[in-house]
PDB file of N, CA and C in Angstrom:
ATOM      1  N   MET A   1     240.999 -72.517  -6.341  1.00  0.00           N
ATOM      2  CA  MET A   1     240.609 -71.268  -5.586  1.00  0.00           C
ATOM      3  C   MET A   1     241.187 -71.823  -4.480  1.00  0.00           C
ATOM      4  N   SER A   2     242.123 -70.953  -3.692  1.00  0.00           N
ATOM      5  CA  SER A   2     242.096 -71.061  -2.138  1.00  0.00           C
ATOM      6  C   SER A   2     241.411 -70.524  -1.222  1.00  0.00           C
ATOM      7  N   GLU A   3     241.688 -70.885  -0.363  1.00  0.00           N
ATOM      8  CA  GLU A   3     240.210 -70.354   0.959  1.00  0.00           C
ATOM      9  C   GLU A   3     240.910 -69.327   1.466  1.00  0.00           C
ATOM     10  N   ALA A   4     240.411 -68.220   1.836  1.00  0.00           N
ATOM     11  CA  ALA A   4     241.254 -67.495   2.783  1.00  0.00           C
ATOM     12  C   ALA A   4     240.335 -67.681   4.007  1.00  0.00           C
ATOM     13  N   SER A   5     241.560 -67.815   4.971  1.00  0.00           N
ATOM     14  CA  SER A   5     241.265 -67.800   6.944  1.00  0.00           C
ATOM     15  C   SER A   5     241.428 -66.689   7.237  1.00  0.00           C
ATOM     16  N   GLU A   6     240.561 -66.017   8.125  1.00  0.00           N
ATOM     17  CA  GLU A   6     240.645 -65.704   9.049  1.00  0.00           C
ATOM     18  C   GLU A   6     241.223 -65.598  10.093  1.00  0.00           C
ATOM     19  N   PRO A   7     241.896 -65.130  11.687  1.00  0.00           N
ATOM     20  CA  PRO A   7     242.435 -65.711  12.839  1.00  0.00           C
ATOM     21  C   PRO A   7     242.049 -66.562  13.328  1.00  0.00           C
ATOM     22  N   SER A   8     240.611 -65.843  13.470  1.00  0.00           N
ATOM     23  CA  SER A   8     239.613 -66.785  14.551  1.00  0.00           C
ATOM     24  C   SER A   8     239.301 -68.339  13.612  1.00  0.00           C
ATOM     25  N   GLY A   9     240.265 -68.834  12.485  1.00  0.00           N
ATOM     26  CA  GLY A   9     239.500 -69.953  12.092  1.00  0.00           C
ATOM     27  C   GLY A   9     238.378 -69.980  11.327  1.00  0.00           C
ATOM     28  N   VAL A  10     238.024 -68.566  10.984  1.00  0.00           N
ATOM     29  CA  VAL A  10     236.649 -68.554  10.071  1.00  0.00           C
ATOM     30  C   VAL A  10     236.973 -68.266   8.894  1.00  0.00           C
ATOM     31  N   VAL A  11     236.211 -69.128   7.920  1.00  0.00           N
ATOM     32  CA  VAL A  11     236.711 -68.799   6.565  1.00  0.00           C
ATOM     33  C   VAL A  11     236.221 -67.718   6.191  1.00  0.00           C
ATOM     34  N   GLY A  12     236.755 -66.907   5.246  1.00  0.00           N
ATOM     35  CA  GLY A  12     236.144 -65.706   4.851  1.00  0.00           C
ATOM     36  C   GLY A  12     235.549 -65.756   3.377  1.00  0.00           C
ATOM     37  N   ARG A  13     234.720 -64.949   3.301  1.00  0.00           N
ATOM     38  CA  ARG A  13     234.451 -64.723   2.248  1.00  0.00           C
ATOM     39  C   ARG A  13     234.272 -64.000   1.292  1.00  0.00           C
ATOM     40  N   THR A  14     234.022 -63.656   0.105  1.00  0.00           N
ATOM     41  CA  THR A  14     233.628 -62.070  -0.855  1.00  0.00           C
ATOM     42  C   THR A  14     231.877 -62.024  -1.503  1.00  0.00           C
ATOM     43  N   VAL A  15     231.483 -61.097  -1.484  1.00  0.00           N
ATOM     44  CA  VAL A  15     230.527 -60.608  -2.648  1.00  0.00           C
ATOM     45  C   VAL A  15     230.405 -61.213  -3.425  1.00  0.00           C
ATOM     46  N   CYS A  16     229.353 -61.866  -4.102  1.00  0.00           N
ATOM     47  CA  CYS A  16     228.982 -62.093  -5.562  1.00  0.00           C
ATOM     48  C   CYS A  16     229.499 -60.852  -6.535  1.00  0.00           C
ATOM     49  N   HIS A  17     230.639 -60.910  -7.029  1.00  0.00           N
ATOM     50  CA  HIS A  17     231.039 -60.110  -8.678  1.00  0.00           C
ATOM     51  C   HIS A  17     229.553 -59.855  -9.740  1.00  0.00           C
ATOM     52  N   GLY A  18     228.354 -61.059  -9.619  1.00  0.00           N
ATOM     53  CA  GLY A  18     227.835 -61.521 -10.384  1.00  0.00           C
ATOM     54  C   GLY A  18     226.917 -60.564  -9.937  1.00  0.00           C
ATOM     55  N   CYS A  19     226.431 -60.273  -8.944  1.00  0.00           N
ATOM     56  CA  CYS A  19     224.955 -60.068  -8.628  1.00  0.00           C
ATOM     57  C   CYS A  19     224.745 -58.762  -7.622  1.00  0.00           C
ATOM     58  N   ARG A  20     226.191 -58.400  -7.202  1.00  0.00           N
ATOM     59  CA  ARG A  20     226.588 -56.928  -6.221  1.00  0.00           C
ATOM     60  C   ARG A  20     225.567 -56.041  -6.349  1.00  0.00           C
ATOM     61  N   GLN A  21     226.242 -54.831  -5.716  1.00  0.00           N
ATOM     62  CA  GLN A  21     225.306 -53.538  -6.212  1.00  0.00           C
ATOM     63  C   GLN A  21     225.821 -52.590  -5.609  1.00  0.00           C
ATOM     64  N   ILE A  22     226.173 -51.746  -6.370  1.00  0.00           N
ATOM     65  CA  ILE A  22     227.340 -50.471  -5.670  1.00  0.00           C
ATOM     66  C   ILE A  22     226.841 -49.414  -5.150  1.00  0.00           C
ATOM     67  N   THR A  23     226.819 -48.753  -4.202  1.00  0.00           N
ATOM     68  CA  THR A  23     225.945 -47.472  -4.147  1.00  0.00           C
ATOM     69  C   THR A  23     227.295 -46.569  -3.661  1.00  0.00           C
ATOM     70  N   GLN A  24     226.925 -45.283  -3.151  1.00  0.00           N
ATOM     71  CA  GLN A  24     227.366 -44.217  -2.390  1.00  0.00           C
ATOM     72  C   GLN A  24     227.080 -44.007  -1.541  1.00  0.00           C
ATOM     73  N   TYR A  25     228.148 -43.787  -0.316  1.00  0.00           N
ATOM     74  CA  TYR A  25     227.470 -42.769   1.063  1.00  0.00           C
ATOM     75  C   TYR A  25     228.725 -41.560   1.193  1.00  0.00           C
ATOM     76  N   ARG A  26     228.022 -40.227   1.847  1.00  0.00           N
ATOM     77  CA  ARG A  26     228.553 -39.424   2.560  1.00  0.00           C
ATOM     78  C   ARG A  26     229.560 -39.824   3.771  1.00  0.00           C
ATOM     79  N   GLY A  27     230.547 -39.751   4.217  1.00  0.00           N
ATOM     80  CA  GLY A  27     231.342 -40.213   5.323  1.00  0.00           C
ATOM     81  C   GLY A  27     231.014 -38.612   6.272  1.00  0.00           C
ATOM     82  N   ASP A  28     231.086 -39.214   7.249  1.00  0.00           N
ATOM     83  CA  ASP A  28     231.227 -37.756   8.839  1.00  0.00           C
ATOM     84  C   ASP A  28     232.111 -36.192   7.906  1.00  0.00           C
ATOM     85  N   ASP A  29     233.254 -37.009   7.606  1.00  0.00           N
ATOM     86  CA  ASP A  29     234.312 -36.112   7.127  1.00  0.00           C
ATOM     87  C   ASP A  29     233.583 -35.141   5.473  1.00  0.00           C
ATOM     88  N   GLY A  30     232.298 -35.651   5.248  1.00  0.00           N
ATOM     89  CA  GLY A  30     231.976 -34.603   3.468  1.00  0.00           C
ATOM     90  C   GLY A  30     232.327 -35.472   2.540  1.00  0.00           C
ATOM     91  N   VAL A  31     232.823 -36.892   2.388  1.00  0.00           N
ATOM     92  CA  VAL A  31     233.932 -36.952   1.532  1.00  0.00           C
ATOM     93  C   VAL A  31     233.076 -38.887   0.967  1.00  0.00           C
ATOM     94  N   ILE A  32     232.586 -38.708  -0.057  1.00  0.00           N
ATOM     95  CA  ILE A  32     231.688 -39.826  -0.961  1.00  0.00           C
ATOM     96  C   ILE A  32     232.240 -40.791  -1.163  1.00  0.00           C
ATOM     97  N   ARG A  33     232.425 -41.884  -0.694  1.00  0.00           N
ATOM     98  CA  ARG A  33     233.048 -43.192  -1.163  1.00  0.00           C
ATOM     99  C   ARG A  33     231.752 -44.161  -1.508  1.00  0.00           C
ATOM    100  N   PRO A  34     232.592 -45.179  -2.318  1.00  0.00           N
ATOM    101  CA  PRO A  34     231.649 -46.181  -2.697  1.00  0.00           C
ATOM    102  C   PRO A  34     231.271 -47.273  -1.611  1.00  0.00           C
ATOM    103  N   MET A  35     230.646 -48.045  -1.665  1.00  0.00           N
ATOM    104  CA  MET A  35     230.267 -49.122  -0.980  1.00  0.00           C
ATOM    105  C   MET A  35     229.543 -50.165  -1.570  1.00  0.00           C
ATOM    106  N   VAL A  36     229.958 -51.449  -1.381  1.00  0.00           N
ATOM    107  CA  VAL A  36     229.578 -52.386  -2.142  1.00  0.00           C
ATOM    108  C   VAL A  36     228.426 -53.478  -1.322  1.00  0.00           C
ATOM    109  N   LEU A  37     227.286 -53.253  -1.710  1.00  0.00           N
ATOM    110  CA  LEU A  37     225.983 -54.127  -1.369  1.00  0.00           C
ATOM    111  C   LEU A  37     225.930 -55.665  -1.576  1.00  0.00           C
ATOM    112  N   PRO A  38     225.918 -56.767  -0.765  1.00  0.00           N
ATOM    113  CA  PRO A  38     226.004 -57.901  -1.305  1.00  0.00           C
ATOM    114  C   PRO A  38     224.361 -58.438  -2.222  1.00  0.00           C
ATOM    115  N   GLY A  39     224.571 -59.167  -3.130  1.00  0.00           N
ATOM    116  CA  GLY A  39     223.168 -59.120  -3.945  1.00  0.00           C
ATOM    117  C   GLY A  39     222.799 -60.472  -3.336  1.00  0.00           C
ATOM    118  N   SER A  40     221.311 -60.846  -4.369  1.00  0.00           N
ATOM    119  CA  SER A  40     220.325 -61.399  -3.619  1.00  0.00           C
ATOM    120  C   SER A  40     220.412 -63.093  -4.227  1.00  0.00           C
ATOM    121  N   GLY A  41     221.271 -63.066  -5.307  1.00  0.00           N
ATOM    122  CA  GLY A  41     221.680 -64.091  -6.347  1.00  0.00           C
ATOM    123  C   GLY A  41     220.679 -64.213  -7.093  1.00  0.00           C
ATOM    124  N   VAL A  42     220.439 -62.688  -7.530  1.00  0.00           N
ATOM    125  CA  VAL A  42     219.570 -62.957  -8.825  1.00  0.00           C
ATOM    126  C   VAL A  42     219.970 -61.505  -9.857  1.00  0.00           C
ATOM    127  N   VAL A  43     219.740 -61.932 -11.186  1.00  0.00           N
ATOM    128  CA  VAL A  43     220.204 -60.737 -11.793  1.00  0.00           C
ATOM    129  C   VAL A  43     218.998 -60.661 -12.985  1.00  0.00           C
ATOM    130  N   PHE A  44     219.239 -59.333 -13.518  1.00  0.00           N
ATOM    131  CA  PHE A  44     217.996 -59.145 -14.251  1.00  0.00           C
ATOM    132  C   PHE A  44     218.571 -58.955 -15.459  1.00  0.00           C
ATOM    133  N   ALA A  45     217.932 -59.189 -17.082  1.00  0.00           N
ATOM    134  CA  ALA A  45     218.164 -59.452 -18.227  1.00  0.00           C
ATOM    135  C   ALA A  45     217.097 -58.566 -18.687  1.00  0.00           C
ATOM    136  N   GLU A  46     217.456 -58.291 -20.255  1.00  0.00           N
ATOM    137  CA  GLU A  46     216.509 -57.574 -20.999  1.00  0.00           C
ATOM    138  C   GLU A  46     216.468 -58.790 -21.652  1.00  0.00           C
ATOM    139  N   LYS A  47     215.330 -59.110 -22.239  1.00  0.00           N
ATOM    140  CA  LYS A  47     214.685 -60.101 -23.120  1.00  0.00           C
ATOM    141  C   LYS A  47     214.654 -59.970 -24.829  1.00  0.00           C
ATOM    142  N   SER A  48     213.754 -58.383 -24.186  1.00  0.00           N
ATOM    143  CA  SER A  48     213.417 -57.838 -25.624  1.00  0.00           C
ATOM    144  C   SER A  48     213.205 -56.754 -25.046  1.00  0.00           C
ATOM    145  N   PRO A  49     213.175 -55.375 -26.116  1.00  0.00           N
ATOM    146  CA  PRO A  49     213.092 -54.555 -25.731  1.00  0.00           C
ATOM    147  C   PRO A  49     211.763 -53.883 -24.721  1.00  0.00           C
ATOM    148  N   GLY A  50     212.343 -53.469 -23.505  1.00  0.00           N
ATOM    149  CA  GLY A  50     211.292 -53.467 -22.505  1.00  0.00           C
ATOM    150  C   GLY A  50     211.054 -54.151 -21.279  1.00  0.00           C
ATOM    151  N   ILE A  51     211.304 -55.758 -21.663  1.00  0.00           N
ATOM    152  CA  ILE A  51     210.732 -56.584 -20.993  1.00  0.00           C
ATOM    153  C   ILE A  51     212.085 -56.727 -20.192  1.00  0.00           C
ATOM    154  N   MET A  52     212.157 -56.783 -18.827  1.00  0.00           N
ATOM    155  CA  MET A  52     212.942 -57.328 -18.176  1.00  0.00           C
ATOM    156  C   MET A  52     212.609 -58.277 -17.406  1.00  0.00           C
ATOM    157  N   VAL A  53     213.429 -59.586 -17.042  1.00  0.00           N
ATOM    158  CA  VAL A  53     213.127 -60.808 -16.499  1.00  0.00           C
ATOM    159  C   VAL A  53     214.093 -60.913 -15.259  1.00  0.00           C
ATOM    160  N   GLU A  54     213.665 -61.328 -14.425  1.00  0.00           N
ATOM    161  CA  GLU A  54     214.511 -61.934 -13.660  1.00  0.00           C
ATOM    162  C   GLU A  54     215.031 -63.556 -13.490  1.00  0.00           C
ATOM    163  N   LEU A  55     216.614 -63.211 -13.544  1.00  0.00           N
ATOM    164  CA  LEU A  55     217.325 -64.784 -13.966  1.00  0.00           C
ATOM    165  C   LEU A  55     218.223 -65.267 -12.694  1.00  0.00           C
ATOM    166  N   PRO A  56     218.385 -66.127 -12.490  1.00  0.00           N
ATOM    167  CA  PRO A  56     219.483 -66.751 -11.286  1.00  0.00           C
ATOM    168  C   PRO A  56     220.877 -65.956 -11.909  1.00  0.00           C
ATOM    169  N   CYS A  57     221.344 -65.724 -10.668  1.00  0.00           N
ATOM    170  CA  CYS A  57     222.901 -64.821 -11.019  1.00  0.00           C
ATOM    171  C   CYS A  57     223.677 -66.078 -11.365  1.00  0.00           C
ATOM    172  N   PRO A  58     224.838 -66.301 -12.464  1.00  0.00           N
ATOM    173  CA  PRO A  58     225.259 -67.149 -13.220  1.00  0.00           C
ATOM    174  C   PRO A  58     226.498 -67.405 -12.424  1.00  0.00           C
ATOM    175  N   VAL A  59     226.881 -66.551 -11.276  1.00  0.00           N
ATOM    176  CA  VAL A  59     228.297 -66.979 -10.438  1.00  0.00           C
ATOM    177  C   VAL A  59     227.611 -67.642  -9.397  1.00  0.00           C
ATOM    178  N   CYS A  60     226.212 -67.051  -8.155  1.00  0.00           N
ATOM    179  CA  CYS A  60     226.352 -67.494  -7.091  1.00  0.00           C
ATOM    180  C   CYS A  60     224.678 -68.142  -7.009  1.00  0.00           C
ATOM    181  N   GLY A  61     223.912 -68.041  -8.332  1.00  0.00           N
ATOM    182  CA  GLY A  61     222.626 -68.413  -7.647  1.00  0.00           C
ATOM    183  C   GLY A  61     222.289 -69.829  -7.555  1.00  0.00           C
ATOM    184  N   ASP A  62     222.953 -70.289  -7.843  1.00  0.00           N
ATOM    185  CA  ASP A  62     222.853 -71.917  -7.394  1.00  0.00           C
ATOM    186  C   ASP A  62     223.298 -72.594  -6.144  1.00  0.00           C
ATOM    187  N   SER A  63     224.113 -71.558  -5.529  1.00  0.00           N
ATOM    188  CA  SER A  63     224.619 -71.725  -4.339  1.00  0.00           C
ATOM    189  C   SER A  63     223.620 -72.222  -2.420  1.00  0.00           C
ATOM    190  N   ASP A  64     224.129 -72.182  -1.896  1.00  0.00           N
ATOM    191  CA  ASP A  64     223.402 -72.663  -0.487  1.00  0.00           C
ATOM    192  C   ASP A  64     223.542 -70.672  -0.281  1.00  0.00           C
ATOM    193  N   ASP A  65     224.427 -70.315  -0.149  1.00  0.00           N
ATOM    194  CA  ASP A  65     224.335 -68.445   0.438  1.00  0.00           C
ATOM    195  C   ASP A  65     224.343 -67.839  -1.117  1.00  0.00           C
ATOM    196  N   PRO A  66     223.232 -67.604  -1.644  1.00  0.00           N
ATOM    197  CA  PRO A  66     223.009 -66.530  -2.812  1.00  0.00           C
ATOM    198  C   PRO A  66     223.874 -64.924  -2.008  1.00  0.00           C
ATOM    199  N   GLY A  67     224.162 -64.685  -3.042  1.00  0.00           N
ATOM    200  CA  GLY A  67     224.998 -63.198  -2.901  1.00  0.00           C
ATOM    201  C   GLY A  67     226.187 -63.432  -2.684  1.00  0.00           C
ATOM    202  N   TRP A  68     227.018 -64.049  -1.900  1.00  0.00           N
ATOM    203  CA  TRP A  68     228.533 -64.798  -1.613  1.00  0.00           C
ATOM    204  C   TRP A  68     229.115 -65.539  -2.040  1.00  0.00           C
ATOM    205  N   VAL A  69     230.505 -65.785  -2.212  1.00  0.00           N
ATOM    206  CA  VAL A  69     231.257 -66.361  -2.985  1.00  0.00           C
ATOM    207  C   VAL A  69     232.338 -67.016  -1.799  1.00  0.00           C
ATOM    208  N   PRO A  70     232.855 -68.077  -1.501  1.00  0.00           N
ATOM    209  CA  PRO A  70     234.112 -68.556  -0.883  1.00  0.00           C
ATOM    210  C   PRO A  70     234.890 -68.255  -0.771  1.00  0.00           C
ATOM    211  N   GLY A  71     235.837 -67.537   0.036  1.00  0.00           N
ATOM    212  CA  GLY A  71     236.748 -67.003  -0.207  1.00  0.00           C
ATOM    213  C   GLY A  71     237.448 -65.706  -0.691  1.00  0.00           C
ATOM    214  N   PHE A  72     238.281 -65.468  -1.302  1.00  0.00           N
ATOM    215  CA  PHE A  72     239.112 -64.111  -1.367  1.00  0.00           C
ATOM    216  C   PHE A  72     238.915 -64.230  -3.114  1.00  0.00           C
ATOM    217  N   VAL A  73     238.032 -63.297  -3.169  1.00  0.00           N
ATOM    218  CA  VAL A  73     237.755 -63.584  -5.009  1.00  0.00           C
ATOM    219  C   VAL A  73     237.818 -62.187  -5.988  1.00  0.00           C
ATOM    220  N   PRO A  74     239.244 -61.657  -6.117  1.00  0.00           N
ATOM    221  CA  PRO A  74     238.974 -60.219  -7.209  1.00  0.00           C
ATOM    222  C   PRO A  74     238.129 -60.305  -7.978  1.00  0.00           C
ATOM    223  N   PRO A  75     237.775 -58.835  -8.523  1.00  0.00           N
ATOM    224  CA  PRO A  75     237.007 -58.462  -9.743  1.00  0.00           C
ATOM    225  C   PRO A  75     237.746 -58.790 -11.138  1.00  0.00           C
ATOM    226  N   VAL A  76     237.210 -59.517 -11.910  1.00  0.00           N
ATOM    227  CA  VAL A  76     237.488 -59.658 -13.455  1.00  0.00           C
ATOM    228  C   VAL A  76     237.796 -58.405 -14.093  1.00  0.00           C
TER     229      VAL A  76
END
């Protein structure tokens, strides 16, 4: 995977697609747009009916910067 670099030399990063959240907001012009929120490095899984548990994200849960992955990573 190649790392995207911005003109200032700062290495780019992408919100983790495993634990990100999507919400919507209404702009000043009244149009509703999607907004991606970074995750926290955890995902929720249903272990049995009605029982939810918190698990580390399989993509970024073990990294030093949970919720983000280095470089530009398109969603699958």
